[in-house]
Amino acid sequence: MIFDEFSKLAIIIKPYYGELKKRLLIISSVFFLVSVISLNYHPFIWDCFFSTLKLSSRNFAVVIRGIGSGFILTIKLSLILSLLITLPIMLWQILAFIEPACYASEKKYIRLRLILYSIYFYGTQILNFIFITPYLLNLLIDFNTHVALPMPDVDDIVSFALTMQFTALFGAFAPILLAMAIDFNWVSVDQLRKIRPYAYVFIFILAMLLTPPDVIAQCILAVPLVVLYELILIIKK
């Protein structure tokens, strides 16, 4: 049965194989080119990474455990950076593929939302990486300096930074998804008002799970989400 559904889908999109292939080729080519450039300039990328996290001037050594860890982490960081750089191009290529099936009003709506959401996405990611992540990272590193000299591993630092970026991404787009759910009548404002106390508890539990074990870090994620939750209820009233 599933095979039959895939067969029907293949028949429907068969006339568009050429256009789809063209868009995928553009996306993959740009991503490959940016990845090669990122790998070529990896020393500069690492310098920017550590200086932004305020680790360059610290009086401790950042270590690499494992023979191939440095190489793997460099590839990982370069690919993630390449993905972030090429993301708008990927989205525009997807938009160009589906645009022929859209009305003029729908095209205008999608383009405007794509531009606004892209600016919003990069703005939240940059602000989080410049201000919130360095603060929390150095707070955790300095927590037990009276006991032992900290020697953080590069892998742990990269993993922590990525976790914080994905947390910021969730915190930024969760209210947008909630507003879209109201627009599409998946949930009503009255229903959201009724579950408000449970939503607050859920937000703080989620913040506790997604952030490091620090009250300030949890409040940095939870409080803006609560405020945005209330703003959505007011705006969509």
C-alpha atoms as a PDB file:
ATOM      1  CA  MET A   1       0.000   0.000   0.000  1.00  0.00           C
ATOM      2  CA  ILE A   2       2.816   2.390   0.891  1.00  0.00           C
ATOM      3  CA  PHE A   3       4.584   1.409  -2.331  1.00  0.00           C
ATOM      4  CA  ASP A   4       1.446   2.307  -4.299  1.00  0.00           C
ATOM      5  CA  GLU A   5       1.318   5.741  -2.666  1.00  0.00           C
ATOM      6  CA  PHE A   6       4.957   6.384  -3.562  1.00  0.00           C
ATOM      7  CA  SER A   7       4.273   5.242  -7.124  1.00  0.00           C
ATOM      8  CA  LYS A   8       1.403   7.729  -7.424  1.00  0.00           C
ATOM      9  CA  LEU A   9       3.601  10.497  -6.016  1.00  0.00           C
ATOM     10  CA  ALA A  10       6.371   9.624  -8.505  1.00  0.00           C
ATOM     11  CA  ILE A  11       3.887   9.834 -11.397  1.00  0.00           C
ATOM     12  CA  ILE A  12       2.654  13.240 -10.218  1.00  0.00           C
ATOM     13  CA  ILE A  13       6.123  14.821  -9.925  1.00  0.00           C
ATOM     14  CA  LYS A  14       7.620  13.072 -12.960  1.00  0.00           C
ATOM     15  CA  PRO A  15       7.060  16.096 -15.295  1.00  0.00           C
ATOM     16  CA  TYR A  16       9.022  18.225 -12.827  1.00  0.00           C
ATOM     17  CA  TYR A  17      12.072  15.972 -12.497  1.00  0.00           C
ATOM     18  CA  GLY A  18      14.175  18.263 -14.680  1.00  0.00           C
ATOM     19  CA  GLU A  19      13.352  21.371 -12.664  1.00  0.00           C
ATOM     20  CA  LEU A  20      13.850  19.513  -9.373  1.00  0.00           C
ATOM     21  CA  LYS A  21      17.206  18.197 -10.551  1.00  0.00           C
ATOM     22  CA  LYS A  22      18.265  21.722 -11.513  1.00  0.00           C
ATOM     23  CA  ARG A  23      17.371  23.143  -8.102  1.00  0.00           C
ATOM     24  CA  LEU A  24      19.095  20.325  -6.219  1.00  0.00           C
ATOM     25  CA  LEU A  25      22.199  20.760  -8.379  1.00  0.00           C
ATOM     26  CA  ILE A  26      22.352  24.473  -7.539  1.00  0.00           C
ATOM     27  CA  ILE A  27      21.920  23.786  -3.819  1.00  0.00           C
ATOM     28  CA  SER A  28      24.541  21.026  -3.709  1.00  0.00           C
ATOM     29  CA  SER A  29      27.029  23.025  -5.813  1.00  0.00           C
ATOM     30  CA  VAL A  30      26.775  26.121  -3.633  1.00  0.00           C
ATOM     31  CA  PHE A  31      27.011  24.059  -0.447  1.00  0.00           C
ATOM     32  CA  PHE A  32      30.081  22.206  -1.747  1.00  0.00           C
ATOM     33  CA  LEU A  33      31.779  25.458  -2.804  1.00  0.00           C
ATOM     34  CA  VAL A  34      31.142  27.156   0.545  1.00  0.00           C
ATOM     35  CA  SER A  35      32.317  24.032   2.394  1.00  0.00           C
ATOM     36  CA  VAL A  36      35.607  23.994   0.481  1.00  0.00           C
ATOM     37  CA  ILE A  37      36.143  27.694   1.221  1.00  0.00           C
ATOM     38  CA  SER A  38      35.319  27.153   4.907  1.00  0.00           C
ATOM     39  CA  LEU A  39      37.786  24.271   5.174  1.00  0.00           C
ATOM     40  CA  ASN A  40      40.462  26.352   3.469  1.00  0.00           C
ATOM     41  CA  TYR A  41      40.023  29.171   6.002  1.00  0.00           C
ATOM     42  CA  HIS A  42      39.497  26.955   9.050  1.00  0.00           C
ATOM     43  CA  PRO A  43      42.248  28.651  11.155  1.00  0.00           C
ATOM     44  CA  PHE A  44      40.431  31.977  10.795  1.00  0.00           C
ATOM     45  CA  ILE A  45      37.094  30.307  11.609  1.00  0.00           C
ATOM     46  CA  TRP A  46      38.519  28.742  14.779  1.00  0.00           C
ATOM     47  CA  ASP A  47      40.006  32.100  15.842  1.00  0.00           C
ATOM     48  CA  CYS A  48      36.614  33.773  15.388  1.00  0.00           C
ATOM     49  CA  PHE A  49      34.908  30.929  17.226  1.00  0.00           C
ATOM     50  CA  PHE A  50      37.126  31.132  20.319  1.00  0.00           C
ATOM     51  CA  SER A  51      37.322  34.937  20.392  1.00  0.00           C
ATOM     52  CA  THR A  52      33.514  35.251  20.175  1.00  0.00           C
ATOM     53  CA  LEU A  53      33.140  32.801  23.053  1.00  0.00           C
ATOM     54  CA  LYS A  54      35.699  34.901  24.970  1.00  0.00           C
ATOM     55  CA  LEU A  55      38.103  31.966  25.376  1.00  0.00           C
ATOM     56  CA  SER A  56      41.107  33.407  23.536  1.00  0.00           C
ATOM     57  CA  SER A  57      42.228  35.561  26.467  1.00  0.00           C
ATOM     58  CA  ARG A  58      41.651  32.983  29.209  1.00  0.00           C
ATOM     59  CA  ASN A  59      44.619  31.695  31.237  1.00  0.00           C
ATOM     60  CA  PHE A  60      43.957  27.992  30.646  1.00  0.00           C
ATOM     61  CA  ALA A  61      44.580  25.578  27.804  1.00  0.00           C
ATOM     62  CA  VAL A  62      41.840  24.241  25.557  1.00  0.00           C
ATOM     63  CA  VAL A  63      42.734  20.631  24.809  1.00  0.00           C
ATOM     64  CA  ILE A  64      41.970  18.164  22.030  1.00  0.00           C
ATOM     65  CA  ARG A  65      41.593  14.536  23.065  1.00  0.00           C
ATOM     66  CA  GLY A  66      42.112  11.927  20.387  1.00  0.00           C
ATOM     67  CA  ILE A  67      44.364  11.789  17.328  1.00  0.00           C
ATOM     68  CA  GLY A  68      41.728  12.654  14.758  1.00  0.00           C
ATOM     69  CA  SER A  69      39.457  14.783  16.938  1.00  0.00           C
ATOM     70  CA  GLY A  70      40.831  18.089  15.667  1.00  0.00           C
ATOM     71  CA  PHE A  71      40.334  17.068  12.034  1.00  0.00           C
ATOM     72  CA  ILE A  72      36.792  15.779  12.625  1.00  0.00           C
ATOM     73  CA  LEU A  73      35.804  18.889  14.591  1.00  0.00           C
ATOM     74  CA  THR A  74      37.181  21.161  11.862  1.00  0.00           C
ATOM     75  CA  ILE A  75      35.089  19.376   9.228  1.00  0.00           C
ATOM     76  CA  LYS A  76      32.049  19.465  11.525  1.00  0.00           C
ATOM     77  CA  LEU A  77      32.379  23.196  12.207  1.00  0.00           C
ATOM     78  CA  SER A  78      32.989  23.967   8.530  1.00  0.00           C
ATOM     79  CA  LEU A  79      29.930  21.994   7.405  1.00  0.00           C
ATOM     80  CA  ILE A  80      27.682  23.635   9.999  1.00  0.00           C
ATOM     81  CA  LEU A  81      28.924  27.088   8.992  1.00  0.00           C
ATOM     82  CA  SER A  82      28.392  26.217   5.319  1.00  0.00           C
ATOM     83  CA  LEU A  83      24.849  25.079   6.072  1.00  0.00           C
ATOM     84  CA  LEU A  84      24.072  28.354   7.844  1.00  0.00           C
ATOM     85  CA  ILE A  85      25.526  30.409   4.986  1.00  0.00           C
ATOM     86  CA  THR A  86      23.748  28.499   2.207  1.00  0.00           C
ATOM     87  CA  LEU A  87      20.411  28.118   4.035  1.00  0.00           C
ATOM     88  CA  PRO A  88      18.798  31.182   2.367  1.00  0.00           C
ATOM     89  CA  ILE A  89      19.874  29.916  -1.053  1.00  0.00           C
ATOM     90  CA  MET A  90      18.366  26.505  -0.294  1.00  0.00           C
ATOM     91  CA  LEU A  91      15.080  28.086   0.774  1.00  0.00           C
ATOM     92  CA  TRP A  92      14.924  30.333  -2.293  1.00  0.00           C
ATOM     93  CA  GLN A  93      15.557  27.367  -4.582  1.00  0.00           C
ATOM     94  CA  ILE A  94      12.742  25.431  -2.896  1.00  0.00           C
ATOM     95  CA  LEU A  95      10.528  28.486  -3.283  1.00  0.00           C
ATOM     96  CA  ALA A  96      11.447  28.776  -6.976  1.00  0.00           C
ATOM     97  CA  PHE A  97      10.459  25.135  -7.461  1.00  0.00           C
ATOM     98  CA  ILE A  98       7.002  25.464  -5.871  1.00  0.00           C
ATOM     99  CA  GLU A  99       6.205  28.995  -7.110  1.00  0.00           C
ATOM    100  CA  PRO A 100       4.598  27.881 -10.421  1.00  0.00           C
ATOM    101  CA  ALA A 101       1.899  26.083  -8.418  1.00  0.00           C
ATOM    102  CA  CYS A 102       1.104  29.162  -6.300  1.00  0.00           C
ATOM    103  CA  TYR A 103      -1.185  32.114  -6.909  1.00  0.00           C
ATOM    104  CA  ALA A 104       0.300  35.628  -7.096  1.00  0.00           C
ATOM    105  CA  SER A 105      -0.975  36.486  -3.606  1.00  0.00           C
ATOM    106  CA  GLU A 106       0.513  33.267  -2.223  1.00  0.00           C
ATOM    107  CA  LYS A 107       3.875  34.000  -3.852  1.00  0.00           C
ATOM    108  CA  LYS A 108       3.948  37.451  -2.273  1.00  0.00           C
ATOM    109  CA  TYR A 109       2.985  36.028   1.124  1.00  0.00           C
ATOM    110  CA  ILE A 110       5.630  33.288   0.996  1.00  0.00           C
ATOM    111  CA  ARG A 111       8.392  35.630  -0.179  1.00  0.00           C
ATOM    112  CA  LEU A 112       7.667  38.179   2.533  1.00  0.00           C
ATOM    113  CA  ARG A 113       7.544  35.529   5.248  1.00  0.00           C
ATOM    114  CA  LEU A 114      10.731  33.934   3.965  1.00  0.00           C
ATOM    115  CA  ILE A 115      12.621  37.232   4.123  1.00  0.00           C
ATOM    116  CA  LEU A 116      11.286  38.133   7.576  1.00  0.00           C
ATOM    117  CA  TYR A 117      11.901  34.676   9.028  1.00  0.00           C
ATOM    118  CA  SER A 118      15.430  34.583   7.586  1.00  0.00           C
ATOM    119  CA  ILE A 119      16.277  37.924   9.208  1.00  0.00           C
ATOM    120  CA  TYR A 120      14.691  36.739  12.449  1.00  0.00           C
ATOM    121  CA  PHE A 121      16.572  33.428  12.321  1.00  0.00           C
ATOM    122  CA  TYR A 122      20.005  34.961  11.744  1.00  0.00           C
ATOM    123  CA  GLY A 123      19.344  37.740  14.255  1.00  0.00           C
ATOM    124  CA  THR A 124      18.487  35.350  17.078  1.00  0.00           C
ATOM    125  CA  GLN A 125      21.380  33.029  16.246  1.00  0.00           C
ATOM    126  CA  ILE A 126      23.927  35.857  16.140  1.00  0.00           C
ATOM    127  CA  LEU A 127      22.675  37.486  19.358  1.00  0.00           C
ATOM    128  CA  ASN A 128      22.697  34.137  21.156  1.00  0.00           C
ATOM    129  CA  PHE A 129      26.225  33.274  19.987  1.00  0.00           C
ATOM    130  CA  ILE A 130      27.657  36.697  20.805  1.00  0.00           C
ATOM    131  CA  PHE A 131      26.036  37.324  24.207  1.00  0.00           C
ATOM    132  CA  ILE A 132      24.243  34.363  25.825  1.00  0.00           C
ATOM    133  CA  THR A 133      26.476  31.402  24.889  1.00  0.00           C
ATOM    134  CA  PRO A 134      29.786  33.055  25.965  1.00  0.00           C
ATOM    135  CA  TYR A 135      28.253  34.123  29.263  1.00  0.00           C
ATOM    136  CA  LEU A 136      26.945  30.660  30.132  1.00  0.00           C
ATOM    137  CA  LEU A 137      30.047  28.858  28.872  1.00  0.00           C
ATOM    138  CA  ASN A 138      32.454  30.956  30.941  1.00  0.00           C
ATOM    139  CA  LEU A 139      30.113  30.772  33.929  1.00  0.00           C
ATOM    140  CA  LEU A 140      30.246  26.968  33.876  1.00  0.00           C
ATOM    141  CA  ILE A 141      34.000  26.854  33.252  1.00  0.00           C
ATOM    142  CA  ASP A 142      34.694  29.187  36.194  1.00  0.00           C
ATOM    143  CA  PHE A 143      32.344  27.376  38.542  1.00  0.00           C
ATOM    144  CA  ASN A 144      35.002  25.146  40.167  1.00  0.00           C
ATOM    145  CA  THR A 145      38.221  27.033  39.468  1.00  0.00           C
ATOM    146  CA  HIS A 146      38.937  27.084  43.222  1.00  0.00           C
ATOM    147  CA  VAL A 147      39.093  23.273  43.139  1.00  0.00           C
ATOM    148  CA  ALA A 148      41.075  22.573  39.956  1.00  0.00           C
ATOM    149  CA  LEU A 149      42.472  24.304  36.884  1.00  0.00           C
ATOM    150  CA  PRO A 150      39.938  24.037  34.043  1.00  0.00           C
ATOM    151  CA  MET A 151      41.109  22.412  30.801  1.00  0.00           C
ATOM    152  CA  PRO A 152      37.981  22.215  28.627  1.00  0.00           C
ATOM    153  CA  ASP A 153      37.951  19.928  25.610  1.00  0.00           C
ATOM    154  CA  VAL A 154      37.264  21.468  22.196  1.00  0.00           C
ATOM    155  CA  ASP A 155      34.661  18.795  21.480  1.00  0.00           C
ATOM    156  CA  ASP A 156      32.748  19.740  24.643  1.00  0.00           C
ATOM    157  CA  ILE A 157      32.908  23.433  23.746  1.00  0.00           C
ATOM    158  CA  VAL A 158      31.596  22.853  20.213  1.00  0.00           C
ATOM    159  CA  SER A 159      28.831  20.555  21.493  1.00  0.00           C
ATOM    160  CA  PHE A 160      27.826  23.117  24.112  1.00  0.00           C
ATOM    161  CA  ALA A 161      27.743  25.937  21.539  1.00  0.00           C
ATOM    162  CA  LEU A 162      25.624  23.851  19.154  1.00  0.00           C
ATOM    163  CA  THR A 163      23.228  22.904  21.952  1.00  0.00           C
ATOM    164  CA  MET A 164      22.793  26.571  22.833  1.00  0.00           C
ATOM    165  CA  GLN A 165      22.210  27.501  19.186  1.00  0.00           C
ATOM    166  CA  PHE A 166      19.540  24.835  18.738  1.00  0.00           C
ATOM    167  CA  THR A 167      17.974  25.937  22.033  1.00  0.00           C
ATOM    168  CA  ALA A 168      17.873  29.529  20.777  1.00  0.00           C
ATOM    169  CA  LEU A 169      16.381  28.309  17.510  1.00  0.00           C
ATOM    170  CA  PHE A 170      13.604  26.503  19.352  1.00  0.00           C
ATOM    171  CA  GLY A 171      12.975  29.487  21.617  1.00  0.00           C
ATOM    172  CA  ALA A 172      12.799  31.848  18.648  1.00  0.00           C
ATOM    173  CA  PHE A 173      10.491  29.818  16.422  1.00  0.00           C
ATOM    174  CA  ALA A 174       8.203  28.148  18.972  1.00  0.00           C
ATOM    175  CA  PRO A 175       6.036  31.320  19.243  1.00  0.00           C
ATOM    176  CA  ILE A 176       5.895  31.576  15.439  1.00  0.00           C
ATOM    177  CA  LEU A 177       4.693  27.976  15.172  1.00  0.00           C
ATOM    178  CA  LEU A 178       2.115  28.690  17.855  1.00  0.00           C
ATOM    179  CA  ALA A 179       0.846  31.726  15.932  1.00  0.00           C
ATOM    180  CA  MET A 180       0.643  29.643  12.752  1.00  0.00           C
ATOM    181  CA  ALA A 181      -1.368  26.995  14.618  1.00  0.00           C
ATOM    182  CA  ILE A 182      -3.873  29.705  15.560  1.00  0.00           C
ATOM    183  CA  ASP A 183      -4.012  31.019  11.988  1.00  0.00           C
ATOM    184  CA  PHE A 184      -4.720  27.535  10.613  1.00  0.00           C
ATOM    185  CA  ASN A 185      -7.397  26.938  13.311  1.00  0.00           C
ATOM    186  CA  TRP A 186      -5.498  24.011  14.820  1.00  0.00           C
ATOM    187  CA  VAL A 187      -5.957  25.630  18.225  1.00  0.00           C
ATOM    188  CA  SER A 188      -7.953  28.618  19.479  1.00  0.00           C
ATOM    189  CA  VAL A 189      -6.941  31.540  21.678  1.00  0.00           C
ATOM    190  CA  ASP A 190      -9.499  30.481  24.288  1.00  0.00           C
ATOM    191  CA  GLN A 191      -7.960  27.013  24.475  1.00  0.00           C
ATOM    192  CA  LEU A 192      -4.496  28.549  24.939  1.00  0.00           C
ATOM    193  CA  ARG A 193      -5.836  30.736  27.747  1.00  0.00           C
ATOM    194  CA  LYS A 194      -7.301  27.721  29.522  1.00  0.00           C
ATOM    195  CA  ILE A 195      -4.042  25.763  29.414  1.00  0.00           C
ATOM    196  CA  ARG A 196      -1.914  28.830  30.309  1.00  0.00           C
ATOM    197  CA  PRO A 197      -0.783  27.538  33.766  1.00  0.00           C
ATOM    198  CA  TYR A 198       0.198  24.164  32.290  1.00  0.00           C
ATOM    199  CA  ALA A 199       1.974  25.923  29.403  1.00  0.00           C
ATOM    200  CA  TYR A 200       4.072  27.945  31.859  1.00  0.00           C
ATOM    201  CA  VAL A 201       5.059  24.826  33.789  1.00  0.00           C
ATOM    202  CA  PHE A 202       5.915  23.059  30.510  1.00  0.00           C
ATOM    203  CA  ILE A 203       8.039  26.036  29.350  1.00  0.00           C
ATOM    204  CA  PHE A 204      10.095  26.076  32.555  1.00  0.00           C
ATOM    205  CA  ILE A 205      10.549  22.287  32.522  1.00  0.00           C
ATOM    206  CA  LEU A 206      11.660  22.466  28.891  1.00  0.00           C
ATOM    207  CA  ALA A 207      14.055  25.307  29.722  1.00  0.00           C
ATOM    208  CA  MET A 208      15.489  23.205  32.537  1.00  0.00           C
ATOM    209  CA  LEU A 209      16.096  20.297  30.138  1.00  0.00           C
ATOM    210  CA  LEU A 210      17.521  22.339  27.258  1.00  0.00           C
ATOM    211  CA  THR A 211      19.835  24.683  29.162  1.00  0.00           C
ATOM    212  CA  PRO A 212      22.817  24.041  31.452  1.00  0.00           C
ATOM    213  CA  PRO A 213      22.080  23.465  35.159  1.00  0.00           C
ATOM    214  CA  ASP A 214      21.904  27.147  36.014  1.00  0.00           C
ATOM    215  CA  VAL A 215      18.874  29.201  37.106  1.00  0.00           C
ATOM    216  CA  ILE A 216      19.948  32.239  35.085  1.00  0.00           C
ATOM    217  CA  ALA A 217      20.280  30.149  31.918  1.00  0.00           C
ATOM    218  CA  GLN A 218      16.834  28.647  32.456  1.00  0.00           C
ATOM    219  CA  CYS A 219      15.266  32.076  32.976  1.00  0.00           C
ATOM    220  CA  ILE A 220      16.999  33.453  29.864  1.00  0.00           C
ATOM    221  CA  LEU A 221      15.086  30.884  27.782  1.00  0.00           C
ATOM    222  CA  ALA A 222      11.856  30.543  29.791  1.00  0.00           C
ATOM    223  CA  VAL A 223      10.973  34.183  30.546  1.00  0.00           C
ATOM    224  CA  PRO A 224      11.048  35.385  26.893  1.00  0.00           C
ATOM    225  CA  LEU A 225       8.917  32.375  25.905  1.00  0.00           C
ATOM    226  CA  VAL A 226       6.342  33.242  28.562  1.00  0.00           C
ATOM    227  CA  VAL A 227       6.281  36.880  27.413  1.00  0.00           C
ATOM    228  CA  LEU A 228       5.916  35.837  23.765  1.00  0.00           C
ATOM    229  CA  TYR A 229       3.137  33.423  24.735  1.00  0.00           C
ATOM    230  CA  GLU A 230       1.207  36.295  26.296  1.00  0.00           C
ATOM    231  CA  LEU A 231       1.906  38.593  23.346  1.00  0.00           C
ATOM    232  CA  ILE A 232       0.515  36.000  20.939  1.00  0.00           C
ATOM    233  CA  LEU A 233      -2.657  35.731  23.029  1.00  0.00           C
ATOM    234  CA  ILE A 234      -3.040  39.526  22.923  1.00  0.00           C
ATOM    235  CA  ILE A 235      -2.252  39.916  19.216  1.00  0.00           C
ATOM    236  CA  LYS A 236      -4.433  36.989  18.083  1.00  0.00           C
ATOM    237  CA  LYS A 237      -7.354  37.981  20.323  1.00  0.00           C
END
